[in-house]
């Protein structure tokens, strides 16, 4: 069985999670969903698409704020 159908299902779930987080204005949940989507796209070799989904969300967080681990990971992913 090909992993593609599972990847497509995962992407659909992440898109839904992003939509719900946006509707609820839940920035931290949107960041988590964007990171998951970016991880999936990165693993598929789609680094530009991974960056495109993660960079705008990461940009909401103040650069001088105390950076929790999830933001450190997001920063690393958005710059690579």
C-alpha atoms as a PDB file:
ATOM      1  CA  UNK A   1       0.000   0.000   0.000  1.00  0.00           C
ATOM      2  CA  UNK A   2       1.356   3.402  -0.990  1.00  0.00           C
ATOM      3  CA  UNK A   3       1.973   6.039   1.704  1.00  0.00           C
ATOM      4  CA  UNK A   4       0.459   8.711  -0.574  1.00  0.00           C
ATOM      5  CA  UNK A   5      -3.185   8.148   0.473  1.00  0.00           C
ATOM      6  CA  UNK A   6      -2.146   8.439   4.124  1.00  0.00           C
ATOM      7  CA  UNK A   7      -0.223  11.629   3.364  1.00  0.00           C
ATOM      8  CA  UNK A   8      -3.248  13.033   1.552  1.00  0.00           C
ATOM      9  CA  UNK A   9      -5.463  12.193   4.524  1.00  0.00           C
ATOM     10  CA  UNK A  10      -2.987  13.758   6.929  1.00  0.00           C
ATOM     11  CA  UNK A  11      -2.795  16.903   4.820  1.00  0.00           C
ATOM     12  CA  UNK A  12      -6.595  17.152   4.770  1.00  0.00           C
ATOM     13  CA  UNK A  13      -6.704  16.839   8.559  1.00  0.00           C
ATOM     14  CA  UNK A  14      -4.024  19.503   8.990  1.00  0.00           C
ATOM     15  CA  UNK A  15      -5.915  21.833   6.634  1.00  0.00           C
ATOM     16  CA  UNK A  16      -9.043  21.312   8.717  1.00  0.00           C
ATOM     17  CA  UNK A  17      -7.117  21.972  11.928  1.00  0.00           C
ATOM     18  CA  UNK A  18      -5.683  25.174  10.434  1.00  0.00           C
ATOM     19  CA  UNK A  19      -9.159  26.306   9.431  1.00  0.00           C
ATOM     20  CA  UNK A  20     -10.623  25.659  12.865  1.00  0.00           C
ATOM     21  CA  UNK A  21      -7.733  27.414  14.609  1.00  0.00           C
ATOM     22  CA  UNK A  22      -8.093  30.425  12.319  1.00  0.00           C
ATOM     23  CA  UNK A  23     -11.843  30.585  12.867  1.00  0.00           C
ATOM     24  CA  UNK A  24     -11.324  30.478  16.637  1.00  0.00           C
ATOM     25  CA  UNK A  25      -8.369  32.904  16.432  1.00  0.00           C
ATOM     26  CA  UNK A  26      -6.298  30.361  18.352  1.00  0.00           C
ATOM     27  CA  UNK A  27      -2.782  31.349  17.308  1.00  0.00           C
ATOM     28  CA  UNK A  28      -0.915  28.685  19.273  1.00  0.00           C
ATOM     29  CA  UNK A  29      -3.118  25.929  17.828  1.00  0.00           C
ATOM     30  CA  UNK A  30      -2.684  27.383  14.367  1.00  0.00           C
ATOM     31  CA  UNK A  31       1.071  27.307  14.893  1.00  0.00           C
ATOM     32  CA  UNK A  32       0.926  23.662  15.950  1.00  0.00           C
ATOM     33  CA  UNK A  33      -1.169  22.719  12.916  1.00  0.00           C
ATOM     34  CA  UNK A  34       1.106  24.709  10.609  1.00  0.00           C
ATOM     35  CA  UNK A  35       4.163  22.977  12.071  1.00  0.00           C
ATOM     36  CA  UNK A  36       2.588  19.575  11.507  1.00  0.00           C
ATOM     37  CA  UNK A  37       1.702  20.504   7.929  1.00  0.00           C
ATOM     38  CA  UNK A  38       5.217  21.876   7.376  1.00  0.00           C
ATOM     39  CA  UNK A  39       6.754  18.672   8.756  1.00  0.00           C
ATOM     40  CA  UNK A  40       4.639  16.578   6.375  1.00  0.00           C
ATOM     41  CA  UNK A  41       5.549  18.733   3.383  1.00  0.00           C
ATOM     42  CA  UNK A  42       9.216  18.752   4.331  1.00  0.00           C
ATOM     43  CA  UNK A  43       9.184  14.950   4.559  1.00  0.00           C
ATOM     44  CA  UNK A  44       7.646  14.876   1.067  1.00  0.00           C
ATOM     45  CA  UNK A  45      10.490  17.021  -0.250  1.00  0.00           C
ATOM     46  CA  UNK A  46       8.259  20.096  -0.568  1.00  0.00           C
ATOM     47  CA  UNK A  47      10.431  22.488   1.441  1.00  0.00           C
ATOM     48  CA  UNK A  48       9.086  25.642  -0.226  1.00  0.00           C
ATOM     49  CA  UNK A  49       5.500  24.658   0.565  1.00  0.00           C
ATOM     50  CA  UNK A  50       6.539  23.821   4.123  1.00  0.00           C
ATOM     51  CA  UNK A  51       8.012  27.293   4.506  1.00  0.00           C
ATOM     52  CA  UNK A  52       4.944  28.915   2.919  1.00  0.00           C
ATOM     53  CA  UNK A  53       2.559  27.413   5.470  1.00  0.00           C
ATOM     54  CA  UNK A  54       4.756  28.053   8.497  1.00  0.00           C
ATOM     55  CA  UNK A  55       6.379  31.450   7.941  1.00  0.00           C
ATOM     56  CA  UNK A  56       3.221  33.614   8.150  1.00  0.00           C
ATOM     57  CA  UNK A  57       2.077  31.955  11.371  1.00  0.00           C
ATOM     58  CA  UNK A  58       5.502  32.180  12.955  1.00  0.00           C
ATOM     59  CA  UNK A  59       5.635  35.881  12.068  1.00  0.00           C
ATOM     60  CA  UNK A  60       2.828  36.711  14.527  1.00  0.00           C
ATOM     61  CA  UNK A  61       4.994  36.041  17.530  1.00  0.00           C
ATOM     62  CA  UNK A  62       7.140  38.870  18.861  1.00  0.00           C
ATOM     63  CA  UNK A  63      10.854  38.231  18.240  1.00  0.00           C
ATOM     64  CA  UNK A  64      11.910  39.384  21.720  1.00  0.00           C
ATOM     65  CA  UNK A  65       9.337  37.372  23.609  1.00  0.00           C
ATOM     66  CA  UNK A  66      10.358  34.415  25.690  1.00  0.00           C
ATOM     67  CA  UNK A  67      10.526  31.684  23.094  1.00  0.00           C
ATOM     68  CA  UNK A  68       8.819  28.423  24.066  1.00  0.00           C
ATOM     69  CA  UNK A  69      10.187  25.226  22.486  1.00  0.00           C
ATOM     70  CA  UNK A  70       7.454  25.102  19.842  1.00  0.00           C
ATOM     71  CA  UNK A  71       8.497  28.528  18.530  1.00  0.00           C
ATOM     72  CA  UNK A  72      12.167  27.583  18.531  1.00  0.00           C
ATOM     73  CA  UNK A  73      11.276  24.589  16.373  1.00  0.00           C
ATOM     74  CA  UNK A  74       9.092  26.763  14.138  1.00  0.00           C
ATOM     75  CA  UNK A  75      11.889  29.279  13.660  1.00  0.00           C
ATOM     76  CA  UNK A  76      14.309  26.531  12.716  1.00  0.00           C
ATOM     77  CA  UNK A  77      11.830  25.069  10.221  1.00  0.00           C
ATOM     78  CA  UNK A  78      10.913  28.410   8.661  1.00  0.00           C
ATOM     79  CA  UNK A  79      14.535  29.316   7.965  1.00  0.00           C
ATOM     80  CA  UNK A  80      15.556  25.967   6.422  1.00  0.00           C
END
